[in-house]
Amino acid sequence: MNLLAIDTATEACSVALSCDGRVLSRSELAPRRHAELVLPMAESLLAEVGLSRRGLDGIAVGRGPGAFTGVRLAISLAQGLALGLGVPVVAVSSLAALALDAPDDGTAVLAVIDARMGEVYAGTFRRAGTDVLEVLGAESVGPAAQLELPQAAAWNVIGTGWDSDRESLLARLPAPPRWAEGQRYPQAAAVVRLAAREFAAGRAVPPEQALPVYLRDKVALTLAEQARRPA
């Protein structure tokens, strides 16, 4: 099965291609350049393996949460490509994709993305085998100091929310994390690995049913709200 995956939910613009079980990817930290980069990245991967767009069996996409414009871009591109090719789509949580890059050691995983405005996007998972995640709780957005975690003896933490709100997150954990990395972003290579299982299980959907997940409907603080924020 040949799958093309896109994730532009954060500062990272990434594309991956799974071609007969081999995964190739391109990724670049390029805020505000996703629209410029994502299709050339896809064409580069297809050219590398000698595959045309018509050779794709499906499209995978990081559905968010993340930056509004980035999530919308990824979903729009996935829908457009899939409609043009007549293939289905699997939309994957960008937090789940992030969690898949944490160590596979059985430890619960807290995936956190800096959501700006003093908040984080958060999802809790446990690695359950190769390219398999168990979801431990609902994804959320809010102040790190108010994050509610399911019970677990230990945690691994991954994502930019760790660097942006480390002290607040430490206060919510039962102990310092066994492993933590605050400079990781959701990657299309993880999206395509998670999506491959969904395609194999027959859970792909028509393009118009691939929907974004924002978790919040507000993108900026008002001037009054900014004035009330602590210095």
C-alpha atoms as a PDB file:
ATOM      1  CA  MET A   1       0.000   0.000   0.000  1.00  0.00           C
ATOM      2  CA  ASN A   2       1.237   3.459  -0.926  1.00  0.00           C
ATOM      3  CA  LEU A   3       0.219   6.256   1.437  1.00  0.00           C
ATOM      4  CA  LEU A   4       1.115   9.945   1.451  1.00  0.00           C
ATOM      5  CA  ALA A   5       0.926  11.763   4.805  1.00  0.00           C
ATOM      6  CA  ILE A   6       0.922  15.470   5.693  1.00  0.00           C
ATOM      7  CA  ASP A   7       1.239  17.257   9.035  1.00  0.00           C
ATOM      8  CA  THR A   8       1.437  21.040   9.292  1.00  0.00           C
ATOM      9  CA  ALA A   9      -0.265  21.496  12.684  1.00  0.00           C
ATOM     10  CA  THR A  10       2.781  23.140  14.283  1.00  0.00           C
ATOM     11  CA  GLU A  11       5.913  25.009  13.225  1.00  0.00           C
ATOM     12  CA  ALA A  12       7.100  21.783  11.586  1.00  0.00           C
ATOM     13  CA  CYS A  13       6.061  21.198   7.991  1.00  0.00           C
ATOM     14  CA  SER A  14       6.348  17.492   7.284  1.00  0.00           C
ATOM     15  CA  VAL A  15       5.385  15.026   4.573  1.00  0.00           C
ATOM     16  CA  ALA A  16       5.927  11.281   4.521  1.00  0.00           C
ATOM     17  CA  LEU A  17       5.428   8.496   2.011  1.00  0.00           C
ATOM     18  CA  SER A  18       4.879   4.860   2.893  1.00  0.00           C
ATOM     19  CA  CYS A  19       5.681   2.848  -0.216  1.00  0.00           C
ATOM     20  CA  ASP A  20       5.387  -0.928   0.073  1.00  0.00           C
ATOM     21  CA  GLY A  21       6.256  -0.740   3.764  1.00  0.00           C
ATOM     22  CA  ARG A  22       9.188   1.657   3.386  1.00  0.00           C
ATOM     23  CA  VAL A  23       8.711   5.100   4.968  1.00  0.00           C
ATOM     24  CA  LEU A  24      10.453   8.176   3.583  1.00  0.00           C
ATOM     25  CA  SER A  25       9.940  11.670   4.923  1.00  0.00           C
ATOM     26  CA  ARG A  26      10.752  15.345   4.601  1.00  0.00           C
ATOM     27  CA  SER A  27      10.458  17.810   7.483  1.00  0.00           C
ATOM     28  CA  GLU A  28      11.427  21.401   8.077  1.00  0.00           C
ATOM     29  CA  LEU A  29      10.833  23.908  10.860  1.00  0.00           C
ATOM     30  CA  ALA A  30       9.378  26.677   8.745  1.00  0.00           C
ATOM     31  CA  PRO A  31       6.695  28.805  10.404  1.00  0.00           C
ATOM     32  CA  ARG A  32       4.471  30.577   7.865  1.00  0.00           C
ATOM     33  CA  ARG A  33       6.041  28.690   4.932  1.00  0.00           C
ATOM     34  CA  HIS A  34       3.998  25.494   5.075  1.00  0.00           C
ATOM     35  CA  ALA A  35       1.871  26.349   2.038  1.00  0.00           C
ATOM     36  CA  GLU A  36       5.039  27.008   0.052  1.00  0.00           C
ATOM     37  CA  LEU A  37       6.830  23.815   1.074  1.00  0.00           C
ATOM     38  CA  VAL A  38       4.348  21.016   1.514  1.00  0.00           C
ATOM     39  CA  LEU A  39       3.536  20.113  -2.102  1.00  0.00           C
ATOM     40  CA  PRO A  40       7.173  20.288  -3.319  1.00  0.00           C
ATOM     41  CA  MET A  41       8.077  17.982  -0.418  1.00  0.00           C
ATOM     42  CA  ALA A  42       5.401  15.539  -1.545  1.00  0.00           C
ATOM     43  CA  GLU A  43       6.545  15.637  -5.166  1.00  0.00           C
ATOM     44  CA  SER A  44      10.144  15.089  -4.062  1.00  0.00           C
ATOM     45  CA  LEU A  45       9.210  11.942  -2.144  1.00  0.00           C
ATOM     46  CA  LEU A  46       7.150  10.564  -5.019  1.00  0.00           C
ATOM     47  CA  ALA A  47       9.984  11.240  -7.448  1.00  0.00           C
ATOM     48  CA  GLU A  48      12.482   9.520  -5.137  1.00  0.00           C
ATOM     49  CA  VAL A  49      10.626   6.205  -5.403  1.00  0.00           C
ATOM     50  CA  GLY A  50       9.429   6.693  -8.981  1.00  0.00           C
ATOM     51  CA  LEU A  51       5.766   6.836  -8.028  1.00  0.00           C
ATOM     52  CA  SER A  52       3.127   9.107  -9.541  1.00  0.00           C
ATOM     53  CA  ARG A  53       0.231  10.542  -7.570  1.00  0.00           C
ATOM     54  CA  ARG A  54      -1.989   8.014  -9.338  1.00  0.00           C
ATOM     55  CA  GLY A  55      -0.004   5.286  -7.637  1.00  0.00           C
ATOM     56  CA  LEU A  56      -1.244   6.365  -4.202  1.00  0.00           C
ATOM     57  CA  ASP A  57      -3.819   4.230  -2.418  1.00  0.00           C
ATOM     58  CA  GLY A  58      -4.724   6.820   0.181  1.00  0.00           C
ATOM     59  CA  ILE A  59      -3.889  10.057   1.975  1.00  0.00           C
ATOM     60  CA  ALA A  60      -3.118  10.401   5.683  1.00  0.00           C
ATOM     61  CA  VAL A  61      -3.235  13.716   7.503  1.00  0.00           C
ATOM     62  CA  GLY A  62      -2.495  15.144  10.914  1.00  0.00           C
ATOM     63  CA  ARG A  63      -5.892  16.537  11.931  1.00  0.00           C
ATOM     64  CA  GLY A  64      -4.617  18.679  14.828  1.00  0.00           C
ATOM     65  CA  PRO A  65      -4.856  20.051  17.370  1.00  0.00           C
ATOM     66  CA  GLY A  66      -2.413  22.805  16.597  1.00  0.00           C
ATOM     67  CA  ALA A  67      -2.212  26.132  14.803  1.00  0.00           C
ATOM     68  CA  PHE A  68      -5.511  26.947  13.112  1.00  0.00           C
ATOM     69  CA  THR A  69      -3.983  27.865   9.759  1.00  0.00           C
ATOM     70  CA  GLY A  70      -1.669  24.863   9.756  1.00  0.00           C
ATOM     71  CA  VAL A  71      -4.415  22.387  10.606  1.00  0.00           C
ATOM     72  CA  ARG A  72      -6.730  23.869   7.971  1.00  0.00           C
ATOM     73  CA  LEU A  73      -3.969  23.722   5.377  1.00  0.00           C
ATOM     74  CA  ALA A  74      -3.229  20.047   5.997  1.00  0.00           C
ATOM     75  CA  ILE A  75      -6.884  19.006   5.935  1.00  0.00           C
ATOM     76  CA  SER A  76      -7.592  21.062   2.797  1.00  0.00           C
ATOM     77  CA  LEU A  77      -4.624  19.584   0.962  1.00  0.00           C
ATOM     78  CA  ALA A  78      -5.496  16.043   2.031  1.00  0.00           C
ATOM     79  CA  GLN A  79      -9.100  16.456   0.919  1.00  0.00           C
ATOM     80  CA  GLY A  80      -8.087  18.031  -2.394  1.00  0.00           C
ATOM     81  CA  LEU A  81      -5.520  15.370  -3.211  1.00  0.00           C
ATOM     82  CA  ALA A  82      -7.820  12.536  -2.227  1.00  0.00           C
ATOM     83  CA  LEU A  83     -10.762  13.916  -4.202  1.00  0.00           C
ATOM     84  CA  GLY A  84      -8.622  14.367  -7.281  1.00  0.00           C
ATOM     85  CA  LEU A  85      -7.250  10.838  -7.044  1.00  0.00           C
ATOM     86  CA  GLY A  86     -10.429   9.141  -5.911  1.00  0.00           C
ATOM     87  CA  VAL A  87      -8.812   7.667  -2.803  1.00  0.00           C
ATOM     88  CA  PRO A  88      -9.838   7.662   0.892  1.00  0.00           C
ATOM     89  CA  VAL A  89      -8.328   9.533   3.820  1.00  0.00           C
ATOM     90  CA  VAL A  90      -7.326   8.711   7.376  1.00  0.00           C
ATOM     91  CA  ALA A  91      -7.081  11.691   9.760  1.00  0.00           C
ATOM     92  CA  VAL A  92      -4.726  11.071  12.693  1.00  0.00           C
ATOM     93  CA  SER A  93      -4.399  13.053  15.905  1.00  0.00           C
ATOM     94  CA  SER A  94      -1.284  15.201  15.759  1.00  0.00           C
ATOM     95  CA  LEU A  95      -0.854  14.571  19.494  1.00  0.00           C
ATOM     96  CA  ALA A  96      -0.921  10.829  18.865  1.00  0.00           C
ATOM     97  CA  ALA A  97       1.693  11.229  16.145  1.00  0.00           C
ATOM     98  CA  LEU A  98       3.832  13.171  18.608  1.00  0.00           C
ATOM     99  CA  ALA A  99       3.404  10.475  21.276  1.00  0.00           C
ATOM    100  CA  LEU A 100       4.524   7.773  18.840  1.00  0.00           C
ATOM    101  CA  ASP A 101       8.002   9.320  18.873  1.00  0.00           C
ATOM    102  CA  ALA A 102       8.376   8.849  22.651  1.00  0.00           C
ATOM    103  CA  PRO A 103      10.354   5.832  23.907  1.00  0.00           C
ATOM    104  CA  ASP A 104       8.578   2.491  23.544  1.00  0.00           C
ATOM    105  CA  ASP A 105       9.212   1.391  27.145  1.00  0.00           C
ATOM    106  CA  GLY A 106       5.696   0.890  28.506  1.00  0.00           C
ATOM    107  CA  THR A 107       5.676   4.239  30.320  1.00  0.00           C
ATOM    108  CA  ALA A 108       2.620   6.479  29.977  1.00  0.00           C
ATOM    109  CA  VAL A 109       3.206   9.308  27.495  1.00  0.00           C
ATOM    110  CA  LEU A 110       2.099  12.915  27.885  1.00  0.00           C
ATOM    111  CA  ALA A 111       2.182  14.658  24.506  1.00  0.00           C
ATOM    112  CA  VAL A 112       1.996  18.440  24.871  1.00  0.00           C
ATOM    113  CA  ILE A 113       2.071  21.157  22.225  1.00  0.00           C
ATOM    114  CA  ASP A 114       2.526  24.819  23.138  1.00  0.00           C
ATOM    115  CA  ALA A 115      -0.872  26.365  22.338  1.00  0.00           C
ATOM    116  CA  ARG A 116       0.236  29.957  23.084  1.00  0.00           C
ATOM    117  CA  MET A 117      -1.909  32.227  25.262  1.00  0.00           C
ATOM    118  CA  GLY A 118      -0.578  30.403  28.339  1.00  0.00           C
ATOM    119  CA  GLU A 119      -2.076  27.053  27.325  1.00  0.00           C
ATOM    120  CA  VAL A 120      -1.051  23.650  26.036  1.00  0.00           C
ATOM    121  CA  TYR A 121      -2.697  21.035  23.864  1.00  0.00           C
ATOM    122  CA  ALA A 122      -2.367  17.742  25.713  1.00  0.00           C
ATOM    123  CA  GLY A 123      -2.988  14.068  25.040  1.00  0.00           C
ATOM    124  CA  THR A 124      -2.161  11.003  27.119  1.00  0.00           C
ATOM    125  CA  PHE A 125      -1.172   7.672  25.639  1.00  0.00           C
ATOM    126  CA  ARG A 126       0.751   4.474  26.208  1.00  0.00           C
ATOM    127  CA  ARG A 127       2.831   2.717  23.604  1.00  0.00           C
ATOM    128  CA  ALA A 128       1.185  -0.669  23.035  1.00  0.00           C
ATOM    129  CA  GLY A 129       3.539  -2.216  20.494  1.00  0.00           C
ATOM    130  CA  THR A 130       5.023  -1.247  17.168  1.00  0.00           C
ATOM    131  CA  ASP A 131       3.084   1.722  15.764  1.00  0.00           C
ATOM    132  CA  VAL A 132       0.259   1.156  18.268  1.00  0.00           C
ATOM    133  CA  LEU A 133      -0.974   3.604  20.899  1.00  0.00           C
ATOM    134  CA  GLU A 134      -3.436   3.110  23.713  1.00  0.00           C
ATOM    135  CA  VAL A 135      -5.373   6.318  24.415  1.00  0.00           C
ATOM    136  CA  LEU A 136      -5.461   7.000  28.166  1.00  0.00           C
ATOM    137  CA  GLY A 137      -7.654  10.098  28.239  1.00  0.00           C
ATOM    138  CA  ALA A 138      -9.407  12.734  26.176  1.00  0.00           C
ATOM    139  CA  GLU A 139      -7.308  15.367  24.439  1.00  0.00           C
ATOM    140  CA  SER A 140      -7.568  18.831  25.951  1.00  0.00           C
ATOM    141  CA  VAL A 141      -6.438  22.425  25.753  1.00  0.00           C
ATOM    142  CA  GLY A 142      -5.940  24.733  28.721  1.00  0.00           C
ATOM    143  CA  PRO A 143      -3.436  26.086  31.221  1.00  0.00           C
ATOM    144  CA  ALA A 144      -0.744  23.551  32.044  1.00  0.00           C
ATOM    145  CA  ALA A 145      -1.291  24.262  35.750  1.00  0.00           C
ATOM    146  CA  GLN A 146      -4.837  22.907  35.426  1.00  0.00           C
ATOM    147  CA  LEU A 147      -4.037  19.815  33.401  1.00  0.00           C
ATOM    148  CA  GLU A 148      -5.790  16.684  34.647  1.00  0.00           C
ATOM    149  CA  LEU A 149      -3.891  13.457  34.090  1.00  0.00           C
ATOM    150  CA  PRO A 150      -5.096   9.864  34.316  1.00  0.00           C
ATOM    151  CA  GLN A 151      -3.411   7.808  37.007  1.00  0.00           C
ATOM    152  CA  ALA A 152       0.020   6.465  36.109  1.00  0.00           C
ATOM    153  CA  ALA A 153       3.090   5.770  38.198  1.00  0.00           C
ATOM    154  CA  ALA A 154       5.475   7.376  35.726  1.00  0.00           C
ATOM    155  CA  TRP A 155       5.407   9.498  32.597  1.00  0.00           C
ATOM    156  CA  ASN A 156       7.428  10.297  29.524  1.00  0.00           C
ATOM    157  CA  VAL A 157       6.769  13.818  28.198  1.00  0.00           C
ATOM    158  CA  ILE A 158       7.209  14.955  24.621  1.00  0.00           C
ATOM    159  CA  GLY A 159       6.463  18.156  22.749  1.00  0.00           C
ATOM    160  CA  THR A 160       6.963  21.907  22.839  1.00  0.00           C
ATOM    161  CA  GLY A 161       4.598  22.300  25.769  1.00  0.00           C
ATOM    162  CA  TRP A 162       7.307  20.800  27.965  1.00  0.00           C
ATOM    163  CA  ASP A 163       9.662  23.670  27.206  1.00  0.00           C
ATOM    164  CA  SER A 164       6.980  26.362  27.367  1.00  0.00           C
ATOM    165  CA  ASP A 165       5.317  25.220  30.631  1.00  0.00           C
ATOM    166  CA  ARG A 166       7.781  22.887  32.319  1.00  0.00           C
ATOM    167  CA  GLU A 167       7.306  23.991  35.918  1.00  0.00           C
ATOM    168  CA  SER A 168       3.526  23.832  35.703  1.00  0.00           C
ATOM    169  CA  LEU A 169       3.640  20.381  34.139  1.00  0.00           C
ATOM    170  CA  LEU A 170       6.085  19.109  36.747  1.00  0.00           C
ATOM    171  CA  ALA A 171       3.586  20.126  39.410  1.00  0.00           C
ATOM    172  CA  ARG A 172       0.916  17.944  37.753  1.00  0.00           C
ATOM    173  CA  LEU A 173       3.104  14.837  37.407  1.00  0.00           C
ATOM    174  CA  PRO A 174       3.438  12.300  40.256  1.00  0.00           C
ATOM    175  CA  ALA A 175       7.234  12.404  39.809  1.00  0.00           C
ATOM    176  CA  PRO A 176       9.750  13.915  37.404  1.00  0.00           C
ATOM    177  CA  PRO A 177       9.386  12.304  33.980  1.00  0.00           C
ATOM    178  CA  ARG A 178      11.508   9.287  33.169  1.00  0.00           C
ATOM    179  CA  TRP A 179      12.239  10.890  29.804  1.00  0.00           C
ATOM    180  CA  ALA A 180      11.328  14.309  28.428  1.00  0.00           C
ATOM    181  CA  GLU A 181      12.009  16.188  25.212  1.00  0.00           C
ATOM    182  CA  GLY A 182      10.660  19.665  24.573  1.00  0.00           C
ATOM    183  CA  GLN A 183      11.932  20.186  21.040  1.00  0.00           C
ATOM    184  CA  ARG A 184       9.784  17.603  19.274  1.00  0.00           C
ATOM    185  CA  TYR A 185       6.940  18.254  16.864  1.00  0.00           C
ATOM    186  CA  PRO A 186       4.322  15.991  15.276  1.00  0.00           C
ATOM    187  CA  GLN A 187       5.808  14.365  12.195  1.00  0.00           C
ATOM    188  CA  ALA A 188       4.150  12.998   9.074  1.00  0.00           C
ATOM    189  CA  ALA A 189       6.353   9.898   9.386  1.00  0.00           C
ATOM    190  CA  ALA A 190       4.464   9.031  12.582  1.00  0.00           C
ATOM    191  CA  VAL A 191       1.131  10.009  11.003  1.00  0.00           C
ATOM    192  CA  VAL A 192       1.649   7.561   8.148  1.00  0.00           C
ATOM    193  CA  ARG A 193       2.659   4.753  10.526  1.00  0.00           C
ATOM    194  CA  LEU A 194      -0.505   5.208  12.588  1.00  0.00           C
ATOM    195  CA  ALA A 195      -2.655   5.666   9.498  1.00  0.00           C
ATOM    196  CA  ALA A 196      -1.398   2.484   7.849  1.00  0.00           C
ATOM    197  CA  ARG A 197      -3.063   0.423  10.564  1.00  0.00           C
ATOM    198  CA  GLU A 198      -6.324   2.342  10.108  1.00  0.00           C
ATOM    199  CA  PHE A 199      -6.272   1.772   6.363  1.00  0.00           C
ATOM    200  CA  ALA A 200      -5.548  -1.932   6.870  1.00  0.00           C
ATOM    201  CA  ALA A 201      -8.487  -2.159   9.294  1.00  0.00           C
ATOM    202  CA  GLY A 202     -10.843  -0.562   6.772  1.00  0.00           C
ATOM    203  CA  ARG A 203     -11.308   2.652   8.738  1.00  0.00           C
ATOM    204  CA  ALA A 204     -10.411   5.127   5.997  1.00  0.00           C
ATOM    205  CA  VAL A 205     -13.136   7.641   5.119  1.00  0.00           C
ATOM    206  CA  PRO A 206     -14.204   9.659   2.073  1.00  0.00           C
ATOM    207  CA  PRO A 207     -12.266  12.935   1.778  1.00  0.00           C
ATOM    208  CA  GLU A 208     -15.151  15.127   2.921  1.00  0.00           C
ATOM    209  CA  GLN A 209     -15.338  13.194   6.196  1.00  0.00           C
ATOM    210  CA  ALA A 210     -11.718  13.954   7.138  1.00  0.00           C
ATOM    211  CA  LEU A 211     -12.229  16.782   9.599  1.00  0.00           C
ATOM    212  CA  PRO A 212      -9.872  19.018  11.602  1.00  0.00           C
ATOM    213  CA  VAL A 213      -9.662  19.015  15.397  1.00  0.00           C
ATOM    214  CA  TYR A 214      -8.983  22.404  16.964  1.00  0.00           C
ATOM    215  CA  LEU A 215     -10.066  21.820  20.627  1.00  0.00           C
ATOM    216  CA  ARG A 216     -10.662  25.558  20.995  1.00  0.00           C
ATOM    217  CA  ASP A 217     -12.317  28.199  18.858  1.00  0.00           C
ATOM    218  CA  LYS A 218     -10.305  31.215  19.965  1.00  0.00           C
ATOM    219  CA  VAL A 219      -6.978  32.118  18.403  1.00  0.00           C
ATOM    220  CA  ALA A 220      -5.958  35.303  20.207  1.00  0.00           C
ATOM    221  CA  LEU A 221      -6.452  37.235  23.409  1.00  0.00           C
ATOM    222  CA  THR A 222      -8.369  40.494  23.324  1.00  0.00           C
ATOM    223  CA  LEU A 223      -6.539  43.638  24.418  1.00  0.00           C
ATOM    224  CA  ALA A 224      -8.445  43.568  27.718  1.00  0.00           C
ATOM    225  CA  GLU A 225      -7.470  39.942  28.310  1.00  0.00           C
ATOM    226  CA  GLN A 226      -3.846  40.711  27.500  1.00  0.00           C
ATOM    227  CA  ALA A 227      -3.890  43.575  30.017  1.00  0.00           C
ATOM    228  CA  ARG A 228      -5.200  41.241  32.744  1.00  0.00           C
ATOM    229  CA  ARG A 229      -2.499  38.628  32.210  1.00  0.00           C
ATOM    230  CA  PRO A 230       0.188  38.515  34.914  1.00  0.00           C
ATOM    231  CA  ALA A 231       3.541  39.962  33.871  1.00  0.00           C
END
